[in-house]
């Protein structure tokens, strides 16, 4: 049997910093502390939900009791191409021109 872990359960500020680094963010220490605390609150709520006895409860496909009322799918032309392109900083007359990323 292995020795019990003495690491705190949940997300540490160090973990939050690693996640921020992966997301290419540079938050200050106060924001990392806040993020870790909020993430731990979410994890605690999930643990509470995991403890709920759902034996005998049928799974739901939707929380709605009734099927949604569907409407006919009709294509509408709300704006003209010219109106939309008029708001763009650069166009070729038909399409938006955007900077090359890759």
PDB file of N, CA and C in Angstrom:
ATOM      1  N   UNK A   1       0.845  -1.174   0.000  1.00  0.00           N
ATOM      2  CA  UNK A   1       0.000   0.000   0.000  1.00  0.00           C
ATOM      3  C   UNK A   1       0.892   1.240   0.000  1.00  0.00           C
ATOM      4  N   UNK A   2       0.563   2.221  -0.812  1.00  0.00           N
ATOM      5  CA  UNK A   2       1.398   3.415  -0.896  1.00  0.00           C
ATOM      6  C   UNK A   2       1.043   4.390   0.216  1.00  0.00           C
ATOM      7  N   UNK A   3       2.004   5.255   0.507  1.00  0.00           N
ATOM      8  CA  UNK A   3       1.804   6.261   1.552  1.00  0.00           C
ATOM      9  C   UNK A   3       0.807   7.295   1.046  1.00  0.00           C
ATOM     10  N   UNK A   4      -0.018   7.843   1.942  1.00  0.00           N
ATOM     11  CA  UNK A   4      -0.984   8.855   1.512  1.00  0.00           C
ATOM     12  C   UNK A   4      -0.267  10.102   1.013  1.00  0.00           C
ATOM     13  N   UNK A   5      -0.842  10.707   0.003  1.00  0.00           N
ATOM     14  CA  UNK A   5      -0.270  11.922  -0.565  1.00  0.00           C
ATOM     15  C   UNK A   5      -0.553  13.102   0.359  1.00  0.00           C
ATOM     16  N   UNK A   6       0.444  13.956   0.506  1.00  0.00           N
ATOM     17  CA  UNK A   6       0.269  15.151   1.339  1.00  0.00           C
ATOM     18  C   UNK A   6       0.100  16.397   0.483  1.00  0.00           C
ATOM     19  N   UNK A   7      -0.066  16.187  -0.821  1.00  0.00           N
ATOM     20  CA  UNK A   7      -0.301  17.322  -1.699  1.00  0.00           C
ATOM     21  C   UNK A   7      -1.735  17.804  -1.523  1.00  0.00           C
ATOM     22  N   UNK A   8      -1.932  19.125  -1.528  1.00  0.00           N
ATOM     23  CA  UNK A   8      -3.302  19.631  -1.403  1.00  0.00           C
ATOM     24  C   UNK A   8      -4.122  19.233  -2.625  1.00  0.00           C
ATOM     25  N   UNK A   9      -5.387  18.928  -2.374  1.00  0.00           N
ATOM     26  CA  UNK A   9      -6.289  18.543  -3.447  1.00  0.00           C
ATOM     27  C   UNK A   9      -6.763  19.805  -4.153  1.00  0.00           C
ATOM     28  N   UNK A  10      -6.828  19.750  -5.461  1.00  0.00           N
ATOM     29  CA  UNK A  10      -7.319  20.899  -6.208  1.00  0.00           C
ATOM     30  C   UNK A  10      -6.218  21.567  -7.001  1.00  0.00           C
ATOM     31  N   UNK A  11      -6.496  22.760  -7.425  1.00  0.00           N
ATOM     32  CA  UNK A  11      -5.606  23.523  -8.287  1.00  0.00           C
ATOM     33  C   UNK A  11      -4.803  24.513  -7.457  1.00  0.00           C
ATOM     34  N   UNK A  12      -3.487  24.490  -7.595  1.00  0.00           N
ATOM     35  CA  UNK A  12      -2.629  25.435  -6.879  1.00  0.00           C
ATOM     36  C   UNK A  12      -2.347  26.641  -7.772  1.00  0.00           C
ATOM     37  N   UNK A  13      -1.756  27.668  -7.188  1.00  0.00           N
ATOM     38  CA  UNK A  13      -1.362  28.836  -7.980  1.00  0.00           C
ATOM     39  C   UNK A  13      -0.328  28.434  -9.024  1.00  0.00           C
ATOM     40  N   UNK A  14       0.516  27.464  -8.660  1.00  0.00           N
ATOM     41  CA  UNK A  14       1.524  26.973  -9.601  1.00  0.00           C
ATOM     42  C   UNK A  14       0.834  26.301 -10.791  1.00  0.00           C
ATOM     43  N   UNK A  15      -0.217  25.513 -10.519  1.00  0.00           N
ATOM     44  CA  UNK A  15      -0.988  24.890 -11.601  1.00  0.00           C
ATOM     45  C   UNK A  15      -1.648  25.960 -12.471  1.00  0.00           C
ATOM     46  N   UNK A  16      -2.200  26.979 -11.831  1.00  0.00           N
ATOM     47  CA  UNK A  16      -2.855  28.065 -12.564  1.00  0.00           C
ATOM     48  C   UNK A  16      -1.846  28.786 -13.454  1.00  0.00           C
ATOM     49  N   UNK A  17      -0.628  28.970 -12.949  1.00  0.00           N
ATOM     50  CA  UNK A  17       0.415  29.621 -13.743  1.00  0.00           C
ATOM     51  C   UNK A  17       0.779  28.769 -14.956  1.00  0.00           C
ATOM     52  N   UNK A  18       0.824  27.445 -14.769  1.00  0.00           N
ATOM     53  CA  UNK A  18       1.138  26.549 -15.888  1.00  0.00           C
ATOM     54  C   UNK A  18       0.044  26.607 -16.947  1.00  0.00           C
ATOM     55  N   UNK A  19      -1.209  26.638 -16.517  1.00  0.00           N
ATOM     56  CA  UNK A  19      -2.329  26.737 -17.462  1.00  0.00           C
ATOM     57  C   UNK A  19      -2.274  28.071 -18.203  1.00  0.00           C
ATOM     58  N   UNK A  20      -1.997  29.147 -17.472  1.00  0.00           N
ATOM     59  CA  UNK A  20      -1.898  30.471 -18.093  1.00  0.00           C
ATOM     60  C   UNK A  20      -0.768  30.497 -19.120  1.00  0.00           C
ATOM     61  N   UNK A  21       0.352  29.868 -18.785  1.00  0.00           N
ATOM     62  CA  UNK A  21       1.484  29.818 -19.707  1.00  0.00           C
ATOM     63  C   UNK A  21       1.094  29.069 -20.991  1.00  0.00           C
ATOM     64  N   UNK A  22       0.363  27.947 -20.846  1.00  0.00           N
ATOM     65  CA  UNK A  22      -0.089  27.199 -22.022  1.00  0.00           C
ATOM     66  C   UNK A  22      -1.019  28.041 -22.897  1.00  0.00           C
ATOM     67  N   UNK A  23      -1.805  28.900 -22.259  1.00  0.00           N
ATOM     68  CA  UNK A  23      -2.730  29.775 -22.989  1.00  0.00           C
ATOM     69  C   UNK A  23      -2.045  31.061 -23.450  1.00  0.00           C
ATOM     70  N   UNK A  24      -0.737  31.144 -23.207  1.00  0.00           N
ATOM     71  CA  UNK A  24       0.067  32.318 -23.567  1.00  0.00           C
ATOM     72  C   UNK A  24      -0.463  33.588 -22.906  1.00  0.00           C
ATOM     73  N   UNK A  25      -0.835  33.456 -21.631  1.00  0.00           N
ATOM     74  CA  UNK A  25      -1.292  34.588 -20.830  1.00  0.00           C
ATOM     75  C   UNK A  25      -0.238  34.899 -19.779  1.00  0.00           C
ATOM     76  N   UNK A  26      -0.221  36.128 -19.310  1.00  0.00           N
ATOM     77  CA  UNK A  26       0.736  36.536 -18.284  1.00  0.00           C
ATOM     78  C   UNK A  26       0.027  37.258 -17.144  1.00  0.00           C
ATOM     79  N   UNK A  27      -0.842  36.557 -16.413  1.00  0.00           N
ATOM     80  CA  UNK A  27      -1.540  37.219 -15.304  1.00  0.00           C
ATOM     81  C   UNK A  27      -0.605  37.437 -14.118  1.00  0.00           C
ATOM     82  N   UNK A  28      -0.940  38.424 -13.285  1.00  0.00           N
ATOM     83  CA  UNK A  28      -0.133  38.649 -12.083  1.00  0.00           C
ATOM     84  C   UNK A  28      -0.502  37.620 -11.013  1.00  0.00           C
ATOM     85  N   UNK A  29       0.255  37.622  -9.909  1.00  0.00           N
ATOM     86  CA  UNK A  29       0.059  36.621  -8.856  1.00  0.00           C
ATOM     87  C   UNK A  29      -1.338  36.684  -8.244  1.00  0.00           C
ATOM     88  N   UNK A  30      -1.880  37.888  -8.089  1.00  0.00           N
ATOM     89  CA  UNK A  30      -3.215  38.028  -7.497  1.00  0.00           C
ATOM     90  C   UNK A  30      -4.271  37.372  -8.386  1.00  0.00           C
ATOM     91  N   UNK A  31      -4.136  37.546  -9.685  1.00  0.00           N
ATOM     92  CA  UNK A  31      -5.096  36.947 -10.612  1.00  0.00           C
ATOM     93  C   UNK A  31      -4.947  35.428 -10.639  1.00  0.00           C
ATOM     94  N   UNK A  32      -3.713  34.933 -10.540  1.00  0.00           N
ATOM     95  CA  UNK A  32      -3.493  33.484 -10.488  1.00  0.00           C
ATOM     96  C   UNK A  32      -4.129  32.890  -9.238  1.00  0.00           C
ATOM     97  N   UNK A  33      -3.990  33.576  -8.101  1.00  0.00           N
ATOM     98  CA  UNK A  33      -4.616  33.117  -6.849  1.00  0.00           C
ATOM     99  C   UNK A  33      -6.133  33.067  -7.009  1.00  0.00           C
ATOM    100  N   UNK A  34      -6.686  34.115  -7.604  1.00  0.00           N
ATOM    101  CA  UNK A  34      -8.138  34.183  -7.800  1.00  0.00           C
ATOM    102  C   UNK A  34      -8.609  33.061  -8.733  1.00  0.00           C
ATOM    103  N   UNK A  35      -7.872  32.840  -9.816  1.00  0.00           N
ATOM    104  CA  UNK A  35      -8.218  31.776 -10.757  1.00  0.00           C
ATOM    105  C   UNK A  35      -8.183  30.420 -10.063  1.00  0.00           C
ATOM    106  N   UNK A  36      -7.137  30.162  -9.278  1.00  0.00           N
ATOM    107  CA  UNK A  36      -7.013  28.880  -8.575  1.00  0.00           C
ATOM    108  C   UNK A  36      -8.170  28.703  -7.594  1.00  0.00           C
ATOM    109  N   UNK A  37      -8.508  29.762  -6.866  1.00  0.00           N
ATOM    110  CA  UNK A  37      -9.607  29.691  -5.891  1.00  0.00           C
ATOM    111  C   UNK A  37     -10.939  29.411  -6.591  1.00  0.00           C
ATOM    112  N   UNK A  38     -11.197  30.121  -7.698  1.00  0.00           N
ATOM    113  CA  UNK A  38     -12.447  29.917  -8.431  1.00  0.00           C
ATOM    114  C   UNK A  38     -12.509  28.520  -9.048  1.00  0.00           C
ATOM    115  N   UNK A  39     -11.385  28.043  -9.577  1.00  0.00           N
ATOM    116  CA  UNK A  39     -11.359  26.692 -10.149  1.00  0.00           C
ATOM    117  C   UNK A  39     -11.621  25.658  -9.062  1.00  0.00           C
ATOM    118  N   UNK A  40     -11.052  25.862  -7.876  1.00  0.00           N
ATOM    119  CA  UNK A  40     -11.283  24.934  -6.767  1.00  0.00           C
ATOM    120  C   UNK A  40     -12.734  24.969  -6.306  1.00  0.00           C
ATOM    121  N   UNK A  41     -13.361  26.133  -6.350  1.00  0.00           N
ATOM    122  CA  UNK A  41     -14.788  26.224  -6.016  1.00  0.00           C
ATOM    123  C   UNK A  41     -15.625  25.411  -7.013  1.00  0.00           C
ATOM    124  N   UNK A  42     -15.264  25.499  -8.283  1.00  0.00           N
ATOM    125  CA  UNK A  42     -15.978  24.732  -9.314  1.00  0.00           C
ATOM    126  C   UNK A  42     -15.768  23.239  -9.091  1.00  0.00           C
ATOM    127  N   UNK A  43     -14.525  22.841  -8.804  1.00  0.00           N
ATOM    128  CA  UNK A  43     -14.238  21.425  -8.553  1.00  0.00           C
ATOM    129  C   UNK A  43     -15.002  20.914  -7.333  1.00  0.00           C
ATOM    130  N   UNK A  44     -15.108  21.745  -6.295  1.00  0.00           N
ATOM    131  CA  UNK A  44     -15.854  21.347  -5.097  1.00  0.00           C
ATOM    132  C   UNK A  44     -17.333  21.154  -5.430  1.00  0.00           C
ATOM    133  N   UNK A  45     -17.875  22.024  -6.265  1.00  0.00           N
ATOM    134  CA  UNK A  45     -19.276  21.879  -6.673  1.00  0.00           C
ATOM    135  C   UNK A  45     -19.468  20.592  -7.473  1.00  0.00           C
ATOM    136  N   UNK A  46     -18.505  20.257  -8.321  1.00  0.00           N
ATOM    137  CA  UNK A  46     -18.593  19.012  -9.099  1.00  0.00           C
ATOM    138  C   UNK A  46     -18.515  17.794  -8.176  1.00  0.00           C
ATOM    139  N   UNK A  47     -17.689  17.868  -7.137  1.00  0.00           N
ATOM    140  CA  UNK A  47     -17.606  16.763  -6.176  1.00  0.00           C
ATOM    141  C   UNK A  47     -18.934  16.582  -5.453  1.00  0.00           C
ATOM    142  N   UNK A  48     -19.583  17.697  -5.112  1.00  0.00           N
ATOM    143  CA  UNK A  48     -20.895  17.626  -4.466  1.00  0.00           C
ATOM    144  C   UNK A  48     -21.897  16.944  -5.389  1.00  0.00           C
ATOM    145  N   UNK A  49     -21.871  17.308  -6.668  1.00  0.00           N
ATOM    146  CA  UNK A  49     -22.783  16.674  -7.628  1.00  0.00           C
ATOM    147  C   UNK A  49     -22.482  15.190  -7.788  1.00  0.00           C
ATOM    148  N   UNK A  50     -21.207  14.822  -7.721  1.00  0.00           N
ATOM    149  CA  UNK A  50     -20.828  13.417  -7.878  1.00  0.00           C
ATOM    150  C   UNK A  50     -21.345  12.567  -6.722  1.00  0.00           C
ATOM    151  N   UNK A  51     -21.601  13.185  -5.564  1.00  0.00           N
ATOM    152  CA  UNK A  51     -22.079  12.458  -4.391  1.00  0.00           C
ATOM    153  C   UNK A  51     -23.587  12.206  -4.417  1.00  0.00           C
ATOM    154  N   UNK A  52     -24.297  12.839  -5.322  1.00  0.00           N
ATOM    155  CA  UNK A  52     -25.750  12.691  -5.395  1.00  0.00           C
ATOM    156  C   UNK A  52     -26.096  11.275  -5.854  1.00  0.00           C
ATOM    157  N   UNK A  53     -27.012  10.637  -5.128  1.00  0.00           N
ATOM    158  CA  UNK A  53     -27.446   9.287  -5.478  1.00  0.00           C
ATOM    159  C   UNK A  53     -28.434   9.371  -6.639  1.00  0.00           C
ATOM    160  N   UNK A  54     -28.010   8.878  -7.786  1.00  0.00           N
ATOM    161  CA  UNK A  54     -28.875   8.917  -8.966  1.00  0.00           C
ATOM    162  C   UNK A  54     -29.377   7.529  -9.350  1.00  0.00           C
ATOM    163  N   UNK A  55     -29.260   6.584  -8.433  1.00  0.00           N
ATOM    164  CA  UNK A  55     -29.750   5.229  -8.713  1.00  0.00           C
ATOM    165  C   UNK A  55     -31.257   5.290  -8.944  1.00  0.00           C
ATOM    166  N   UNK A  56     -31.708   4.671  -9.995  1.00  0.00           N
ATOM    167  CA  UNK A  56     -33.131   4.647 -10.291  1.00  0.00           C
ATOM    168  C   UNK A  56     -33.638   5.874 -11.022  1.00  0.00           C
ATOM    169  N   UNK A  57     -32.766   6.814 -11.336  1.00  0.00           N
ATOM    170  CA  UNK A  57     -33.179   8.004 -12.072  1.00  0.00           C
ATOM    171  C   UNK A  57     -32.852   7.777 -13.543  1.00  0.00           C
ATOM    172  N   UNK A  58     -33.859   7.864 -14.363  1.00  0.00           N
ATOM    173  CA  UNK A  58     -33.648   7.652 -15.801  1.00  0.00           C
ATOM    174  C   UNK A  58     -32.846   8.808 -16.385  1.00  0.00           C
ATOM    175  N   UNK A  59     -31.902   8.505 -17.269  1.00  0.00           N
ATOM    176  CA  UNK A  59     -31.128   9.585 -17.888  1.00  0.00           C
ATOM    177  C   UNK A  59     -32.014  10.447 -18.777  1.00  0.00           C
ATOM    178  N   UNK A  60     -31.684  11.716 -18.850  1.00  0.00           N
ATOM    179  CA  UNK A  60     -32.431  12.653 -19.688  1.00  0.00           C
ATOM    180  C   UNK A  60     -31.637  12.969 -20.943  1.00  0.00           C
ATOM    181  N   UNK A  61     -32.324  13.087 -22.035  1.00  0.00           N
ATOM    182  CA  UNK A  61     -31.688  13.562 -23.255  1.00  0.00           C
ATOM    183  C   UNK A  61     -31.777  15.078 -23.320  1.00  0.00           C
ATOM    184  N   UNK A  62     -32.733  15.624 -22.608  1.00  0.00           N
ATOM    185  CA  UNK A  62     -32.938  17.060 -22.574  1.00  0.00           C
ATOM    186  C   UNK A  62     -33.660  17.401 -21.274  1.00  0.00           C
ATOM    187  N   UNK A  63     -33.342  18.529 -20.658  1.00  0.00           N
ATOM    188  CA  UNK A  63     -34.068  18.914 -19.448  1.00  0.00           C
ATOM    189  C   UNK A  63     -35.485  19.403 -19.738  1.00  0.00           C
ATOM    190  N   UNK A  64     -35.805  19.572 -21.011  1.00  0.00           N
ATOM    191  CA  UNK A  64     -37.132  20.033 -21.393  1.00  0.00           C
ATOM    192  C   UNK A  64     -38.091  18.851 -21.427  1.00  0.00           C
ATOM    193  N   UNK A  65     -39.269  19.041 -20.891  1.00  0.00           N
ATOM    194  CA  UNK A  65     -40.281  17.991 -20.898  1.00  0.00           C
ATOM    195  C   UNK A  65     -40.887  17.799 -22.283  1.00  0.00           C
ATOM    196  N   UNK A  66     -41.000  18.872 -23.039  1.00  0.00           N
ATOM    197  CA  UNK A  66     -41.660  18.821 -24.338  1.00  0.00           C
ATOM    198  C   UNK A  66     -40.638  19.067 -25.439  1.00  0.00           C
ATOM    199  N   UNK A  67     -40.925  18.509 -26.581  1.00  0.00           N
ATOM    200  CA  UNK A  67     -40.055  18.743 -27.731  1.00  0.00           C
ATOM    201  C   UNK A  67     -40.154  20.213 -28.132  1.00  0.00           C
ATOM    202  N   UNK A  68     -39.065  20.790 -28.579  1.00  0.00           N
ATOM    203  CA  UNK A  68     -39.123  22.197 -28.989  1.00  0.00           C
ATOM    204  C   UNK A  68     -40.005  22.369 -30.220  1.00  0.00           C
ATOM    205  N   UNK A  69     -40.634  23.499 -30.294  1.00  0.00           N
ATOM    206  CA  UNK A  69     -41.467  23.811 -31.448  1.00  0.00           C
ATOM    207  C   UNK A  69     -40.531  24.286 -32.553  1.00  0.00           C
ATOM    208  N   UNK A  70     -40.556  23.581 -33.651  1.00  0.00           N
ATOM    209  CA  UNK A  70     -39.676  23.934 -34.757  1.00  0.00           C
ATOM    210  C   UNK A  70     -40.435  24.763 -35.768  1.00  0.00           C
ATOM    211  N   UNK A  71     -39.719  25.639 -36.404  1.00  0.00           N
ATOM    212  CA  UNK A  71     -40.324  26.455 -37.442  1.00  0.00           C
ATOM    213  C   UNK A  71     -39.700  26.081 -38.778  1.00  0.00           C
ATOM    214  N   UNK A  72     -40.342  26.465 -39.823  1.00  0.00           N
ATOM    215  CA  UNK A  72     -39.831  26.241 -41.168  1.00  0.00           C
ATOM    216  C   UNK A  72     -38.498  26.968 -41.317  1.00  0.00           C
ATOM    217  N   UNK A  73     -37.514  26.304 -41.866  1.00  0.00           N
ATOM    218  CA  UNK A  73     -36.204  26.906 -42.082  1.00  0.00           C
ATOM    219  C   UNK A  73     -36.221  27.606 -43.432  1.00  0.00           C
ATOM    220  N   UNK A  74     -36.337  28.926 -43.385  1.00  0.00           N
ATOM    221  CA  UNK A  74     -36.442  29.714 -44.603  1.00  0.00           C
ATOM    222  C   UNK A  74     -35.240  30.645 -44.680  1.00  0.00           C
ATOM    223  N   UNK A  75     -34.535  30.601 -45.794  1.00  0.00           N
ATOM    224  CA  UNK A  75     -33.388  31.484 -45.992  1.00  0.00           C
ATOM    225  C   UNK A  75     -33.888  32.892 -46.283  1.00  0.00           C
ATOM    226  N   UNK A  76     -33.367  33.855 -45.554  1.00  0.00           N
ATOM    227  CA  UNK A  76     -33.728  35.254 -45.754  1.00  0.00           C
ATOM    228  C   UNK A  76     -32.478  36.047 -46.099  1.00  0.00           C
ATOM    229  N   UNK A  77     -32.595  36.978 -46.996  1.00  0.00           N
ATOM    230  CA  UNK A  77     -31.486  37.872 -47.296  1.00  0.00           C
ATOM    231  C   UNK A  77     -31.763  39.155 -46.530  1.00  0.00           C
ATOM    232  N   UNK A  78     -31.125  39.282 -45.377  1.00  0.00           N
ATOM    233  CA  UNK A  78     -31.377  40.426 -44.512  1.00  0.00           C
ATOM    234  C   UNK A  78     -30.573  41.639 -44.964  1.00  0.00           C
ATOM    235  N   UNK A  79     -29.317  41.388 -45.365  1.00  0.00           N
ATOM    236  CA  UNK A  79     -28.441  42.483 -45.793  1.00  0.00           C
ATOM    237  C   UNK A  79     -27.891  42.168 -47.179  1.00  0.00           C
ATOM    238  N   UNK A  80     -27.646  43.197 -47.929  1.00  0.00           N
ATOM    239  CA  UNK A  80     -27.032  42.976 -49.237  1.00  0.00           C
ATOM    240  C   UNK A  80     -25.522  42.831 -49.057  1.00  0.00           C
ATOM    241  N   UNK A  81     -24.902  42.189 -50.014  1.00  0.00           N
ATOM    242  CA  UNK A  81     -23.447  42.017 -49.966  1.00  0.00           C
ATOM    243  C   UNK A  81     -22.757  43.379 -49.926  1.00  0.00           C
ATOM    244  N   UNK A  82     -23.255  44.317 -50.701  1.00  0.00           N
ATOM    245  CA  UNK A  82     -22.645  45.646 -50.748  1.00  0.00           C
ATOM    246  C   UNK A  82     -22.700  46.331 -49.381  1.00  0.00           C
ATOM    247  N   UNK A  83     -23.834  46.202 -48.681  1.00  0.00           N
ATOM    248  CA  UNK A  83     -23.963  46.807 -47.354  1.00  0.00           C
ATOM    249  C   UNK A  83     -22.956  46.208 -46.383  1.00  0.00           C
ATOM    250  N   UNK A  84     -22.799  44.887 -46.425  1.00  0.00           N
ATOM    251  CA  UNK A  84     -21.869  44.227 -45.515  1.00  0.00           C
ATOM    252  C   UNK A  84     -20.424  44.577 -45.848  1.00  0.00           C
ATOM    253  N   UNK A  85     -20.081  44.564 -47.115  1.00  0.00           N
ATOM    254  CA  UNK A  85     -18.708  44.869 -47.508  1.00  0.00           C
ATOM    255  C   UNK A  85     -18.356  46.331 -47.267  1.00  0.00           C
ATOM    256  N   UNK A  86     -19.354  47.206 -47.226  1.00  0.00           N
ATOM    257  CA  UNK A  86     -19.094  48.626 -46.987  1.00  0.00           C
ATOM    258  C   UNK A  86     -18.494  48.855 -45.606  1.00  0.00           C
ATOM    259  N   UNK A  87     -18.722  47.952 -44.665  1.00  0.00           N
ATOM    260  CA  UNK A  87     -18.188  48.096 -43.311  1.00  0.00           C
ATOM    261  C   UNK A  87     -16.796  47.497 -43.144  1.00  0.00           C
ATOM    262  N   UNK A  88     -16.298  46.815 -44.149  1.00  0.00           N
ATOM    263  CA  UNK A  88     -15.006  46.138 -44.040  1.00  0.00           C
ATOM    264  C   UNK A  88     -13.867  47.107 -44.338  1.00  0.00           C
ATOM    265  N   UNK A  89     -12.737  46.963 -43.634  1.00  0.00           N
ATOM    266  CA  UNK A  89     -11.603  47.837 -43.919  1.00  0.00           C
ATOM    267  C   UNK A  89     -10.990  47.570 -45.298  1.00  0.00           C
ATOM    268  N   UNK A  90     -11.075  46.297 -45.774  1.00  0.00           N
ATOM    269  CA  UNK A  90     -10.508  45.974 -47.085  1.00  0.00           C
ATOM    270  C   UNK A  90     -11.313  44.843 -47.722  1.00  0.00           C
ATOM    271  N   UNK A  91     -11.647  45.014 -48.998  1.00  0.00           N
ATOM    272  CA  UNK A  91     -12.378  43.978 -49.740  1.00  0.00           C
ATOM    273  C   UNK A  91     -11.773  43.865 -51.134  1.00  0.00           C
ATOM    274  N   UNK A  92     -12.170  42.812 -51.846  1.00  0.00           N
ATOM    275  CA  UNK A  92     -11.790  42.702 -53.259  1.00  0.00           C
ATOM    276  C   UNK A  92     -13.018  42.918 -54.144  1.00  0.00           C
ATOM    277  N   UNK A  93     -14.065  43.453 -53.556  1.00  0.00           N
ATOM    278  CA  UNK A  93     -15.300  43.685 -54.285  1.00  0.00           C
ATOM    279  C   UNK A  93     -16.353  42.625 -54.021  1.00  0.00           C
ATOM    280  N   UNK A  94     -15.902  41.401 -53.696  1.00  0.00           N
ATOM    281  CA  UNK A  94     -16.826  40.305 -53.413  1.00  0.00           C
ATOM    282  C   UNK A  94     -16.631  39.737 -52.019  1.00  0.00           C
ATOM    283  N   UNK A  95     -15.396  39.775 -51.519  1.00  0.00           N
ATOM    284  CA  UNK A  95     -15.065  39.106 -50.262  1.00  0.00           C
ATOM    285  C   UNK A  95     -14.304  40.049 -49.338  1.00  0.00           C
ATOM    286  N   UNK A  96     -14.325  39.723 -48.037  1.00  0.00           N
ATOM    287  CA  UNK A  96     -13.514  40.435 -47.062  1.00  0.00           C
ATOM    288  C   UNK A  96     -12.056  40.041 -47.271  1.00  0.00           C
ATOM    289  N   UNK A  97     -11.166  40.984 -47.198  1.00  0.00           N
ATOM    290  CA  UNK A  97      -9.731  40.693 -47.267  1.00  0.00           C
ATOM    291  C   UNK A  97      -9.200  40.741 -45.834  1.00  0.00           C
ATOM    292  N   UNK A  98      -8.510  39.681 -45.440  1.00  0.00           N
ATOM    293  CA  UNK A  98      -7.949  39.605 -44.091  1.00  0.00           C
ATOM    294  C   UNK A  98      -6.466  39.301 -44.194  1.00  0.00           C
ATOM    295  N   UNK A  99      -5.684  39.672 -43.169  1.00  0.00           N
ATOM    296  CA  UNK A  99      -4.250  39.401 -43.221  1.00  0.00           C
ATOM    297  C   UNK A  99      -3.975  37.899 -43.205  1.00  0.00           C
ATOM    298  N   UNK A 100      -2.936  37.499 -43.913  1.00  0.00           N
ATOM    299  CA  UNK A 100      -2.518  36.098 -43.911  1.00  0.00           C
ATOM    300  C   UNK A 100      -1.965  35.777 -42.524  1.00  0.00           C
ATOM    301  N   UNK A 101      -2.400  34.664 -41.946  1.00  0.00           N
ATOM    302  CA  UNK A 101      -1.974  34.261 -40.604  1.00  0.00           C
ATOM    303  C   UNK A 101      -0.829  33.266 -40.688  1.00  0.00           C
ATOM    304  N   UNK A 102      -0.953  32.305 -41.580  1.00  0.00           N
ATOM    305  CA  UNK A 102       0.045  31.234 -41.658  1.00  0.00           C
ATOM    306  C   UNK A 102       0.862  31.373 -42.909  1.00  0.00           C
TER     307      UNK A 102
END
